[in-house]
Amino acid sequence: QVQVVESGGGWVQPGGSLRLSCAASGSIVSINAMRWYRQAPGKQRERVAAIISGGTTSYTDSVKGRFTISRDSAKNTVYLQMNSLKPEDTAVYYCNILSSAAGIVYDYWGQGTQVTVSS
């Protein structure tokens, strides 16, 4: 059984910073990608950032230059450093882990952590 747990959300004023963490534990053999999504009220879930097994990262345009995704492979942990936060970054942030074993791809999600940016 695999557990994915996010932490680090909270309230911050515009221009502030937060660092989200996501730790995966359990029977994970090989991680293919680690991704952060977010969902604001009344909006669809969108992918914010991703890091694949080779280390390549990608970001949605609205966060480029402000957010940085990184990982600690030894700990099966992914981070999202969020700087220069804006009110439109307010959302529930979800961690997603893609892993594979014996040719089967597994898709794991955390419960989400709330990020609120307001003055």
Protein backbone atom coordinates (compact mmCIF):
# COMPACT_ATOMS: atom_id res chain seq x y z
CA GLN A 1 0.00 0.00 0.00
CA VAL A 2 1.28 3.46 -0.93
CA GLN A 3 0.63 6.67 0.96
CA VAL A 4 1.17 10.15 -0.42
CA VAL A 5 1.14 12.96 2.11
CA GLU A 6 1.46 16.67 1.37
CA SER A 7 2.44 19.34 3.86
CA GLY A 8 3.46 22.97 3.95
CA GLY A 9 0.31 24.75 2.86
CA GLY A 10 -1.12 27.74 4.66
CA TRP A 11 -1.87 31.42 4.42
CA VAL A 12 0.57 33.96 3.05
CA GLN A 13 0.40 37.56 1.92
CA PRO A 14 0.91 38.44 -1.75
CA GLY A 15 4.60 38.42 -2.58
CA GLY A 16 5.34 35.84 0.08
CA SER A 17 6.71 32.32 -0.17
CA LEU A 18 5.69 28.82 0.81
CA ARG A 19 7.35 25.45 0.40
CA LEU A 20 5.20 22.39 -0.14
CA SER A 21 6.45 18.90 0.54
CA CYS A 22 5.09 15.56 -0.59
CA ALA A 23 6.34 12.26 0.75
CA ALA A 24 5.46 8.91 -0.76
CA SER A 25 5.79 5.83 1.39
CA GLY A 26 5.05 2.17 0.96
CA SER A 27 5.70 -0.29 -1.83
CA ILE A 28 6.99 1.98 -4.57
CA VAL A 29 9.43 0.26 -6.89
CA SER A 30 10.17 2.87 -9.52
CA ILE A 31 8.96 6.46 -9.73
CA ASN A 32 8.49 7.78 -13.25
CA ALA A 33 7.26 11.26 -12.43
CA MET A 34 6.31 13.46 -9.51
CA ARG A 35 3.86 16.27 -10.17
CA TRP A 36 2.03 19.06 -8.44
CA TYR A 37 -1.50 20.01 -9.43
CA ARG A 38 -3.80 22.65 -8.05
CA GLN A 39 -7.52 23.28 -8.07
CA ALA A 40 -9.07 26.63 -7.29
CA PRO A 41 -12.76 26.98 -6.38
CA GLY A 42 -14.94 26.64 -9.46
CA LYS A 43 -12.00 25.77 -11.71
CA GLN A 44 -10.60 22.60 -13.17
CA ARG A 45 -7.56 20.95 -11.71
CA GLU A 46 -4.42 22.05 -13.52
CA ARG A 47 -0.91 20.72 -13.53
CA VAL A 48 1.50 23.21 -12.01
CA ALA A 49 4.88 21.50 -12.18
CA ALA A 50 6.43 18.15 -12.88
CA ILE A 51 9.76 16.40 -12.52
CA ILE A 52 10.44 13.16 -14.33
CA SER A 53 12.80 10.34 -13.48
CA GLY A 54 15.69 11.86 -15.44
CA GLY A 55 15.36 15.15 -13.58
CA THR A 56 13.76 17.23 -16.31
CA THR A 57 11.27 19.75 -14.97
CA SER A 58 8.31 21.52 -16.51
CA TYR A 59 5.97 24.27 -15.37
CA THR A 60 2.71 25.82 -16.39
CA ASP A 61 3.27 29.29 -17.83
CA SER A 62 1.65 31.17 -14.97
CA VAL A 63 4.23 29.96 -12.44
CA LYS A 64 7.41 29.98 -14.50
CA GLY A 65 10.13 31.95 -12.78
CA ARG A 66 8.28 31.87 -9.45
CA PHE A 67 7.90 28.18 -8.58
CA THR A 68 10.60 25.53 -8.42
CA ILE A 69 10.02 21.80 -8.22
CA SER A 70 12.70 19.54 -6.78
CA ARG A 71 13.00 16.11 -5.30
CA ASP A 72 14.91 13.92 -2.89
CA SER A 73 14.88 10.54 -4.60
CA ALA A 74 16.29 8.73 -1.59
CA LYS A 75 13.29 9.86 0.44
CA ASN A 76 10.68 9.62 -2.36
CA THR A 77 9.89 13.23 -1.61
CA VAL A 78 9.06 16.10 -3.94
CA TYR A 79 9.02 19.77 -3.08
CA LEU A 80 7.44 22.86 -4.55
CA GLN A 81 9.09 26.14 -3.63
CA MET A 82 6.64 28.93 -4.34
CA ASN A 83 7.89 32.50 -4.39
CA SER A 84 6.28 35.82 -5.29
CA LEU A 85 2.89 34.33 -4.58
CA LYS A 86 -0.20 35.97 -6.02
CA PRO A 87 -3.85 35.79 -4.98
CA GLU A 88 -4.55 33.75 -8.10
CA ASP A 89 -2.25 31.04 -6.74
CA THR A 90 -4.85 30.32 -4.07
CA ALA A 91 -5.96 26.71 -4.47
CA VAL A 92 -5.75 23.25 -3.04
CA TYR A 93 -2.44 21.78 -4.14
CA TYR A 94 -2.22 18.06 -4.84
CA CYS A 95 0.78 15.82 -5.21
CA ASN A 96 0.71 13.10 -7.86
CA ILE A 97 3.15 10.22 -8.13
CA LEU A 98 3.46 8.01 -11.21
CA SER A 99 5.29 4.76 -10.65
CA SER A 100 5.63 1.52 -12.53
CA ALA A 101 6.32 -2.11 -11.76
CA ALA A 102 6.26 -5.12 -14.06
CA GLY A 103 4.93 -2.99 -16.89
CA ILE A 104 2.01 -1.62 -14.90
CA VAL A 105 1.71 2.11 -14.23
CA TYR A 106 0.36 3.23 -10.88
CA ASP A 107 -1.10 6.66 -10.22
CA TYR A 108 -1.12 7.91 -6.63
CA TRP A 109 -2.61 11.12 -5.24
CA GLY A 110 -2.34 12.92 -1.96
CA GLN A 111 -5.25 14.48 -0.11
CA GLY A 112 -4.24 18.02 -0.94
CA THR A 113 -3.01 21.01 1.02
CA GLN A 114 -4.65 24.42 1.00
CA VAL A 115 -2.66 27.46 -0.10
CA THR A 116 -4.29 30.84 0.46
CA VAL A 117 -2.71 34.06 -0.77
CA SER A 118 -4.42 37.19 0.46
CA SER A 119 -3.80 40.41 2.30
